[in-house]
Amino acid sequence: MDREPVEIRLSDAEVIALAYHRAAHGDAWAALVRAVEDALADLAEAERRTMQRDRLISRGYVRGAVPLARASAAP
C-alpha cells in the first residue's frame, strides 16, 4: 500500500521559532533569548510610534481649535 506523502504546514509562530533555532545553530536557549529580545525591541518601537502619533494628534487639535473669543462671538 503506497500512501501519499502528508503535507505538514507549520504555523507562523513555528516558522519564526524554527528560523531563530536555525540562526542559533540549534541552541534553543539562545534562540529563545534572541526572540524575546527582538519582541521587546519591536514592542518598544511600537510604543514610541504610538506616543509620537498621539503627540501629533494633540498638536493637530490645538492648531485646529477655534479660539473661545471668536467662538462665543459667532452668531
C-alpha atoms as a PDB file:
ATOM      1  CA  MET A   1       0.000   0.000   0.000  1.00  0.00           C
ATOM      2  CA  ASP A   2       1.527   3.209  -1.188  1.00  0.00           C
ATOM      3  CA  ARG A   3       0.435   6.230   0.756  1.00  0.00           C
ATOM      4  CA  GLU A   4       0.533   9.776  -0.458  1.00  0.00           C
ATOM      5  CA  PRO A   5       3.019  11.926   1.450  1.00  0.00           C
ATOM      6  CA  VAL A   6       1.332  14.057   4.076  1.00  0.00           C
ATOM      7  CA  GLU A   7       1.897  17.767   3.730  1.00  0.00           C
ATOM      8  CA  ILE A   8       2.817  19.361   7.029  1.00  0.00           C
ATOM      9  CA  ARG A   9       2.179  23.058   7.342  1.00  0.00           C
ATOM     10  CA  LEU A  10       3.805  24.991  10.109  1.00  0.00           C
ATOM     11  CA  SER A  11       2.063  27.866  11.832  1.00  0.00           C
ATOM     12  CA  ASP A  12       3.568  31.339  11.538  1.00  0.00           C
ATOM     13  CA  ALA A  13       4.884  31.020  15.100  1.00  0.00           C
ATOM     14  CA  GLU A  14       6.519  27.671  14.288  1.00  0.00           C
ATOM     15  CA  VAL A  15       8.175  29.089  11.162  1.00  0.00           C
ATOM     16  CA  ILE A  16       9.572  32.001  13.169  1.00  0.00           C
ATOM     17  CA  ALA A  17      10.721  29.725  16.012  1.00  0.00           C
ATOM     18  CA  LEU A  18      12.426  27.416  13.526  1.00  0.00           C
ATOM     19  CA  ALA A  19      14.230  30.366  11.936  1.00  0.00           C
ATOM     20  CA  TYR A  20      15.511  31.539  15.335  1.00  0.00           C
ATOM     21  CA  HIS A  21      16.536  27.967  16.229  1.00  0.00           C
ATOM     22  CA  ARG A  22      18.460  27.592  12.984  1.00  0.00           C
ATOM     23  CA  ALA A  23      20.086  31.022  13.363  1.00  0.00           C
ATOM     24  CA  ALA A  24      21.229  29.976  16.847  1.00  0.00           C
ATOM     25  CA  HIS A  25      22.746  26.800  15.355  1.00  0.00           C
ATOM     26  CA  GLY A  26      20.413  24.548  17.338  1.00  0.00           C
ATOM     27  CA  ASP A  27      20.878  26.299  20.684  1.00  0.00           C
ATOM     28  CA  ALA A  28      17.295  26.502  21.945  1.00  0.00           C
ATOM     29  CA  TRP A  29      18.110  28.856  24.850  1.00  0.00           C
ATOM     30  CA  ALA A  30      19.968  31.315  22.619  1.00  0.00           C
ATOM     31  CA  ALA A  31      17.095  31.188  20.120  1.00  0.00           C
ATOM     32  CA  LEU A  32      14.547  31.923  22.841  1.00  0.00           C
ATOM     33  CA  VAL A  33      16.587  34.793  24.272  1.00  0.00           C
ATOM     34  CA  ARG A  34      17.046  36.355  20.820  1.00  0.00           C
ATOM     35  CA  ALA A  35      13.331  36.004  20.022  1.00  0.00           C
ATOM     36  CA  VAL A  36      12.385  37.697  23.302  1.00  0.00           C
ATOM     37  CA  GLU A  37      14.944  40.472  22.719  1.00  0.00           C
ATOM     38  CA  ASP A  38      13.508  41.098  19.259  1.00  0.00           C
ATOM     39  CA  ALA A  39       9.937  41.061  20.565  1.00  0.00           C
ATOM     40  CA  LEU A  40      10.791  43.567  23.296  1.00  0.00           C
ATOM     41  CA  ALA A  41      12.567  45.824  20.791  1.00  0.00           C
ATOM     42  CA  ASP A  42       9.541  45.682  18.480  1.00  0.00           C
ATOM     43  CA  LEU A  43       7.219  46.487  21.386  1.00  0.00           C
ATOM     44  CA  ALA A  44       9.350  49.471  22.410  1.00  0.00           C
ATOM     45  CA  GLU A  45       9.340  50.753  18.823  1.00  0.00           C
ATOM     46  CA  ALA A  46       5.558  50.354  18.584  1.00  0.00           C
ATOM     47  CA  GLU A  47       5.128  52.265  21.855  1.00  0.00           C
ATOM     48  CA  ARG A  48       7.454  55.027  20.604  1.00  0.00           C
ATOM     49  CA  ARG A  49       5.439  55.352  17.394  1.00  0.00           C
ATOM     50  CA  THR A  50       2.169  55.407  19.307  1.00  0.00           C
ATOM     51  CA  MET A  51       3.424  58.187  21.584  1.00  0.00           C
ATOM     52  CA  GLN A  52       4.694  60.141  18.567  1.00  0.00           C
ATOM     53  CA  ARG A  53       1.352  59.733  16.797  1.00  0.00           C
ATOM     54  CA  ASP A  54      -0.527  60.822  19.923  1.00  0.00           C
ATOM     55  CA  ARG A  55       1.634  63.960  20.171  1.00  0.00           C
ATOM     56  CA  LEU A  56       0.949  64.781  16.524  1.00  0.00           C
ATOM     57  CA  ILE A  57      -2.780  64.281  17.018  1.00  0.00           C
ATOM     58  CA  SER A  58      -2.724  66.519  20.109  1.00  0.00           C
ATOM     59  CA  ARG A  59      -0.871  69.248  18.208  1.00  0.00           C
ATOM     60  CA  GLY A  60      -3.402  68.968  15.396  1.00  0.00           C
ATOM     61  CA  TYR A  61      -6.283  69.529  17.791  1.00  0.00           C
ATOM     62  CA  VAL A  62      -4.546  72.531  19.344  1.00  0.00           C
ATOM     63  CA  ARG A  63      -3.744  74.059  15.950  1.00  0.00           C
ATOM     64  CA  GLY A  64      -7.244  73.440  14.648  1.00  0.00           C
ATOM     65  CA  ALA A  65      -9.024  74.708  17.747  1.00  0.00           C
ATOM     66  CA  VAL A  66     -11.238  77.750  17.387  1.00  0.00           C
ATOM     67  CA  PRO A  67     -10.301  80.476  19.896  1.00  0.00           C
ATOM     68  CA  LEU A  68     -13.005  80.901  22.562  1.00  0.00           C
ATOM     69  CA  ALA A  69     -13.421  84.647  21.908  1.00  0.00           C
ATOM     70  CA  ARG A  70     -14.262  84.044  18.260  1.00  0.00           C
ATOM     71  CA  ALA A  71     -16.427  81.038  19.001  1.00  0.00           C
ATOM     72  CA  SER A  72     -18.563  82.931  21.508  1.00  0.00           C
ATOM     73  CA  ALA A  73     -18.965  85.926  19.162  1.00  0.00           C
ATOM     74  CA  ALA A  74     -20.250  83.780  16.319  1.00  0.00           C
ATOM     75  CA  PRO A  75     -23.967  84.182  15.550  1.00  0.00           C
END
